[in-house]
Each structure stands twice: as C-alpha cells, then as structure tokens.
PDB file of N, CA and C in Angstrom:
ATOM      1  N   UNK A   1     108.149 114.877 106.143  1.00  0.00           N
ATOM      2  CA  UNK A   1     109.063 115.977 105.952  1.00  0.00           C
ATOM      3  C   UNK A   1     108.963 116.997 107.072  1.00  0.00           C
ATOM      4  N   UNK A   2     108.335 116.620 108.166  1.00  0.00           N
ATOM      5  CA  UNK A   2     108.321 117.466 109.344  1.00  0.00           C
ATOM      6  C   UNK A   2     107.384 118.652 109.296  1.00  0.00           C
ATOM      7  N   UNK A   3     106.324 118.589 108.510  1.00  0.00           N
ATOM      8  CA  UNK A   3     105.416 119.730 108.426  1.00  0.00           C
ATOM      9  C   UNK A   3     104.007 119.434 108.938  1.00  0.00           C
ATOM     10  N   UNK A   4     103.719 118.202 109.310  1.00  0.00           N
ATOM     11  CA  UNK A   4     102.345 117.870 109.710  1.00  0.00           C
ATOM     12  C   UNK A   4     101.907 118.643 110.942  1.00  0.00           C
ATOM     13  N   UNK A   5     102.854 119.077 111.784  1.00  0.00           N
ATOM     14  CA  UNK A   5     102.472 119.863 112.954  1.00  0.00           C
ATOM     15  C   UNK A   5     102.037 121.273 112.572  1.00  0.00           C
ATOM     16  N   UNK A   6     102.212 121.657 111.315  1.00  0.00           N
ATOM     17  CA  UNK A   6     101.810 122.971 110.829  1.00  0.00           C
ATOM     18  C   UNK A   6     100.467 122.935 110.097  1.00  0.00           C
ATOM     19  N   UNK A   7      99.890 121.747 109.945  1.00  0.00           N
ATOM     20  CA  UNK A   7      98.633 121.592 109.216  1.00  0.00           C
ATOM     21  C   UNK A   7      97.450 121.621 110.168  1.00  0.00           C
ATOM     22  N   UNK A   8      96.375 122.265 109.742  1.00  0.00           N
ATOM     23  CA  UNK A   8      95.127 122.270 110.501  1.00  0.00           C
ATOM     24  C   UNK A   8      94.060 121.593 109.656  1.00  0.00           C
ATOM     25  N   UNK A   9      93.219 120.810 110.308  1.00  0.00           N
ATOM     26  CA  UNK A   9      92.135 120.125 109.614  1.00  0.00           C
ATOM     27  C   UNK A   9      91.001 121.105 109.349  1.00  0.00           C
ATOM     28  N   UNK A  10      90.494 121.113 108.137  1.00  0.00           N
ATOM     29  CA  UNK A  10      89.329 121.906 107.763  1.00  0.00           C
ATOM     30  C   UNK A  10      88.353 121.015 107.013  1.00  0.00           C
ATOM     31  N   UNK A  11      87.065 121.135 107.320  1.00  0.00           N
ATOM     32  CA  UNK A  11      86.092 120.196 106.765  1.00  0.00           C
ATOM     33  C   UNK A  11      85.425 120.671 105.476  1.00  0.00           C
ATOM     34  N   UNK A  12      85.618 121.923 105.087  1.00  0.00           N
ATOM     35  CA  UNK A  12      84.950 122.487 103.917  1.00  0.00           C
ATOM     36  C   UNK A  12      83.438 122.575 104.121  1.00  0.00           C
ATOM     37  N   UNK A  13      83.010 122.654 105.387  1.00  0.00           N
ATOM     38  CA  UNK A  13      81.598 122.834 105.717  1.00  0.00           C
ATOM     39  C   UNK A  13      81.131 124.153 105.117  1.00  0.00           C
ATOM     40  N   UNK A  14      79.973 124.252 104.548  1.00  0.00           N
ATOM     41  CA  UNK A  14      78.828 123.357 104.540  1.00  0.00           C
ATOM     42  C   UNK A  14      78.753 122.463 103.306  1.00  0.00           C
ATOM     43  N   UNK A  15      79.792 122.463 102.478  1.00  0.00           N
ATOM     44  CA  UNK A  15      79.745 121.687 101.238  1.00  0.00           C
ATOM     45  C   UNK A  15      79.922 120.195 101.467  1.00  0.00           C
ATOM     46  N   UNK A  16      80.697 119.834 102.464  1.00  0.00           N
ATOM     47  CA  UNK A  16      80.844 118.436 102.864  1.00  0.00           C
ATOM     48  C   UNK A  16      80.849 118.374 104.382  1.00  0.00           C
ATOM     49  N   UNK A  17      80.559 117.213 104.907  1.00  0.00           N
ATOM     50  CA  UNK A  17      80.544 117.060 106.366  1.00  0.00           C
ATOM     51  C   UNK A  17      81.955 116.780 106.870  1.00  0.00           C
ATOM     52  N   UNK A  18      82.154 117.004 108.146  1.00  0.00           N
ATOM     53  CA  UNK A  18      83.453 116.714 108.760  1.00  0.00           C
ATOM     54  C   UNK A  18      83.796 115.239 108.600  1.00  0.00           C
ATOM     55  N   UNK A  19      82.812 114.360 108.778  1.00  0.00           N
ATOM     56  CA  UNK A  19      83.092 112.923 108.675  1.00  0.00           C
ATOM     57  C   UNK A  19      83.521 112.536 107.259  1.00  0.00           C
ATOM     58  N   UNK A  20      82.932 113.151 106.236  1.00  0.00           N
ATOM     59  CA  UNK A  20      83.344 112.870 104.858  1.00  0.00           C
ATOM     60  C   UNK A  20      84.786 113.326 104.618  1.00  0.00           C
ATOM     61  N   UNK A  21      85.144 114.466 105.152  1.00  0.00           N
ATOM     62  CA  UNK A  21      86.507 114.976 104.976  1.00  0.00           C
ATOM     63  C   UNK A  21      87.522 114.139 105.735  1.00  0.00           C
ATOM     64  N   UNK A  22      87.149 113.684 106.927  1.00  0.00           N
ATOM     65  CA  UNK A  22      88.044 112.821 107.701  1.00  0.00           C
ATOM     66  C   UNK A  22      88.277 111.518 106.952  1.00  0.00           C
ATOM     67  N   UNK A  23      87.209 110.947 106.412  1.00  0.00           N
ATOM     68  CA  UNK A  23      87.329 109.707 105.639  1.00  0.00           C
ATOM     69  C   UNK A  23      88.239 109.915 104.427  1.00  0.00           C
ATOM     70  N   UNK A  24      88.085 111.038 103.744  1.00  0.00           N
ATOM     71  CA  UNK A  24      88.927 111.330 102.581  1.00  0.00           C
ATOM     72  C   UNK A  24      90.387 111.501 102.989  1.00  0.00           C
ATOM     73  N   UNK A  25      90.620 112.164 104.112  1.00  0.00           N
ATOM     74  CA  UNK A  25      91.995 112.348 104.577  1.00  0.00           C
ATOM     75  C   UNK A  25      92.645 111.014 104.911  1.00  0.00           C
ATOM     76  N   UNK A  26      91.903 110.150 105.601  1.00  0.00           N
ATOM     77  CA  UNK A  26      92.456 108.842 105.957  1.00  0.00           C
ATOM     78  C   UNK A  26      92.688 107.954 104.730  1.00  0.00           C
ATOM     79  N   UNK A  27      92.034 108.240 103.615  1.00  0.00           N
ATOM     80  CA  UNK A  27      92.225 107.428 102.408  1.00  0.00           C
ATOM     81  C   UNK A  27      93.241 108.046 101.446  1.00  0.00           C
ATOM     82  N   UNK A  28      93.951 109.072 101.877  1.00  0.00           N
ATOM     83  CA  UNK A  28      94.893 109.768 100.998  1.00  0.00           C
ATOM     84  C   UNK A  28      95.965 108.835 100.444  1.00  0.00           C
ATOM     85  N   UNK A  29      96.374 107.855 101.225  1.00  0.00           N
ATOM     86  CA  UNK A  29      97.408 106.932 100.743  1.00  0.00           C
ATOM     87  C   UNK A  29      96.899 106.031  99.626  1.00  0.00           C
ATOM     88  N   UNK A  30      95.605 105.729  99.619  1.00  0.00           N
ATOM     89  CA  UNK A  30      95.033 104.938  98.523  1.00  0.00           C
ATOM     90  C   UNK A  30      95.061 105.736  97.225  1.00  0.00           C
ATOM     91  N   UNK A  31      94.808 107.029  97.339  1.00  0.00           N
ATOM     92  CA  UNK A  31      94.820 107.900  96.164  1.00  0.00           C
ATOM     93  C   UNK A  31      96.229 107.988  95.589  1.00  0.00           C
ATOM     94  N   UNK A  32      97.230 107.978  96.464  1.00  0.00           N
ATOM     95  CA  UNK A  32      98.621 108.144  96.038  1.00  0.00           C
ATOM     96  C   UNK A  32      99.270 106.852  95.550  1.00  0.00           C
ATOM     97  N   UNK A  33      98.582 105.719  95.696  1.00  0.00           N
ATOM     98  CA  UNK A  33      99.157 104.449  95.238  1.00  0.00           C
ATOM     99  C   UNK A  33      99.468 104.515  93.752  1.00  0.00           C
ATOM    100  N   UNK A  34     100.615 103.964  93.385  1.00  0.00           N
ATOM    101  CA  UNK A  34     101.012 103.952  91.987  1.00  0.00           C
ATOM    102  C   UNK A  34     101.674 105.241  91.534  1.00  0.00           C
ATOM    103  N   UNK A  35     101.890 106.160  92.464  1.00  0.00           N
ATOM    104  CA  UNK A  35     102.580 107.410  92.143  1.00  0.00           C
ATOM    105  C   UNK A  35     103.910 107.429  92.893  1.00  0.00           C
ATOM    106  N   UNK A  36     104.653 108.456  92.703  1.00  0.00           N
ATOM    107  CA  UNK A  36     105.910 108.624  93.427  1.00  0.00           C
ATOM    108  C   UNK A  36     105.726 109.389  94.730  1.00  0.00           C
ATOM    109  N   UNK A  37     104.485 109.656  95.102  1.00  0.00           N
ATOM    110  CA  UNK A  37     104.228 110.390  96.339  1.00  0.00           C
ATOM    111  C   UNK A  37     104.523 109.507  97.544  1.00  0.00           C
ATOM    112  N   UNK A  38     105.045 110.091  98.620  1.00  0.00           N
ATOM    113  CA  UNK A  38     105.340 109.292  99.812  1.00  0.00           C
ATOM    114  C   UNK A  38     104.064 108.914 100.555  1.00  0.00           C
ATOM    115  N   UNK A  39     104.129 107.833 101.300  1.00  0.00           N
ATOM    116  CA  UNK A  39     103.016 107.408 102.151  1.00  0.00           C
ATOM    117  C   UNK A  39     103.010 108.289 103.397  1.00  0.00           C
ATOM    118  N   UNK A  40     101.826 108.722 103.801  1.00  0.00           N
ATOM    119  CA  UNK A  40     101.681 109.496 105.032  1.00  0.00           C
ATOM    120  C   UNK A  40     101.260 108.521 106.122  1.00  0.00           C
ATOM    121  N   UNK A  41     102.047 108.388 107.187  1.00  0.00           N
ATOM    122  CA  UNK A  41     101.692 107.444 108.248  1.00  0.00           C
ATOM    123  C   UNK A  41     100.328 107.776 108.858  1.00  0.00           C
ATOM    124  N   UNK A  42      99.561 106.729 109.164  1.00  0.00           N
ATOM    125  CA  UNK A  42      98.229 106.931 109.738  1.00  0.00           C
ATOM    126  C   UNK A  42      98.304 107.735 111.035  1.00  0.00           C
ATOM    127  N   UNK A  43      99.357 107.534 111.801  1.00  0.00           N
ATOM    128  CA  UNK A  43      99.523 108.288 113.046  1.00  0.00           C
ATOM    129  C   UNK A  43      99.628 109.794 112.762  1.00  0.00           C
ATOM    130  N   UNK A  44     100.298 110.153 111.679  1.00  0.00           N
ATOM    131  CA  UNK A  44     100.408 111.564 111.298  1.00  0.00           C
ATOM    132  C   UNK A  44      99.047 112.115 110.886  1.00  0.00           C
ATOM    133  N   UNK A  45      98.280 111.323 110.140  1.00  0.00           N
ATOM    134  CA  UNK A  45      96.935 111.748 109.744  1.00  0.00           C
ATOM    135  C   UNK A  45      96.044 111.914 110.968  1.00  0.00           C
ATOM    136  N   UNK A  46      96.139 110.975 111.895  1.00  0.00           N
ATOM    137  CA  UNK A  46      95.355 111.054 113.127  1.00  0.00           C
ATOM    138  C   UNK A  46      95.734 112.309 113.916  1.00  0.00           C
ATOM    139  N   UNK A  47      97.022 112.640 113.931  1.00  0.00           N
ATOM    140  CA  UNK A  47      97.478 113.841 114.621  1.00  0.00           C
ATOM    141  C   UNK A  47      96.874 115.110 114.043  1.00  0.00           C
ATOM    142  N   UNK A  48      96.678 115.139 112.737  1.00  0.00           N
ATOM    143  CA  UNK A  48      96.052 116.297 112.091  1.00  0.00           C
ATOM    144  C   UNK A  48      94.582 116.390 112.483  1.00  0.00           C
ATOM    145  N   UNK A  49      93.882 115.268 112.438  1.00  0.00           N
ATOM    146  CA  UNK A  49      92.444 115.253 112.714  1.00  0.00           C
ATOM    147  C   UNK A  49      92.135 115.495 114.189  1.00  0.00           C
ATOM    148  N   UNK A  50      92.918 114.891 115.073  1.00  0.00           N
ATOM    149  CA  UNK A  50      92.590 114.921 116.498  1.00  0.00           C
ATOM    150  C   UNK A  50      93.299 116.028 117.273  1.00  0.00           C
ATOM    151  N   UNK A  51      94.022 116.875 116.617  1.00  0.00           N
ATOM    152  CA  UNK A  51      94.742 117.971 117.270  1.00  0.00           C
ATOM    153  C   UNK A  51      93.757 118.915 117.963  1.00  0.00           C
ATOM    154  N   UNK A  52      94.154 119.436 119.104  1.00  0.00           N
ATOM    155  CA  UNK A  52      93.337 120.416 119.831  1.00  0.00           C
ATOM    156  C   UNK A  52      93.573 121.784 119.192  1.00  0.00           C
ATOM    157  N   UNK A  53      92.859 122.037 118.113  1.00  0.00           N
ATOM    158  CA  UNK A  53      93.090 123.229 117.307  1.00  0.00           C
ATOM    159  C   UNK A  53      92.811 124.512 118.074  1.00  0.00           C
ATOM    160  N   UNK A  54      91.759 124.535 118.879  1.00  0.00           N
ATOM    161  CA  UNK A  54      91.449 125.750 119.634  1.00  0.00           C
ATOM    162  C   UNK A  54      92.590 126.119 120.570  1.00  0.00           C
ATOM    163  N   UNK A  55      93.151 125.140 121.249  1.00  0.00           N
ATOM    164  CA  UNK A  55      94.290 125.407 122.135  1.00  0.00           C
ATOM    165  C   UNK A  55      95.505 125.845 121.321  1.00  0.00           C
ATOM    166  N   UNK A  56      95.720 125.211 120.185  1.00  0.00           N
ATOM    167  CA  UNK A  56      96.844 125.554 119.321  1.00  0.00           C
ATOM    168  C   UNK A  56      96.771 127.016 118.877  1.00  0.00           C
ATOM    169  N   UNK A  57      95.556 127.489 118.618  1.00  0.00           N
ATOM    170  CA  UNK A  57      95.354 128.871 118.182  1.00  0.00           C
ATOM    171  C   UNK A  57      95.225 129.845 119.350  1.00  0.00           C
ATOM    172  N   UNK A  58      95.312 129.330 120.575  1.00  0.00           N
ATOM    173  CA  UNK A  58      95.201 130.181 121.757  1.00  0.00           C
ATOM    174  C   UNK A  58      93.778 130.615 122.058  1.00  0.00           C
ATOM    175  N   UNK A  59      92.796 129.827 121.628  1.00  0.00           N
ATOM    176  CA  UNK A  59      91.385 130.175 121.825  1.00  0.00           C
ATOM    177  C   UNK A  59      90.716 129.367 122.926  1.00  0.00           C
ATOM    178  N   UNK A  60      91.449 128.477 123.567  1.00  0.00           N
ATOM    179  CA  UNK A  60      90.851 127.645 124.622  1.00  0.00           C
ATOM    180  C   UNK A  60      91.544 127.889 125.940  1.00  0.00           C
TER     181      UNK A  60
END
C-alpha cells in the first residue's frame, strides 16, 4: 500500500536482540497465513531492515 518507505526498524532492545526482531519481521507472512492479511514481499521487508536509517534521519 505504499507505506513501507515510512517504516523504521526498531529492535525493542534491551528486551530482545536485533537478530530476534529481524527474524520475527521476516516471518511475518507465516503469522498472517490463513488470514485475510496481504503478503508483504520479502524485498519490502529487507528494505525496512537494511535501510540507512541514520542518513534517512539526517544524522549521517
């Protein structure tokens, strides 16, 4: 729906690690199976995780 460029990845540190949150994000489509929720393309998920957030926020 054209909003993934507005999302920033957050790990919920110190309660969970970044790797645990990344794994959960990449498995979001498994959670949504059997529902009416749309599938999120893996490329879109990768774009959220691998985005240069510091540059996006003007901090780099």
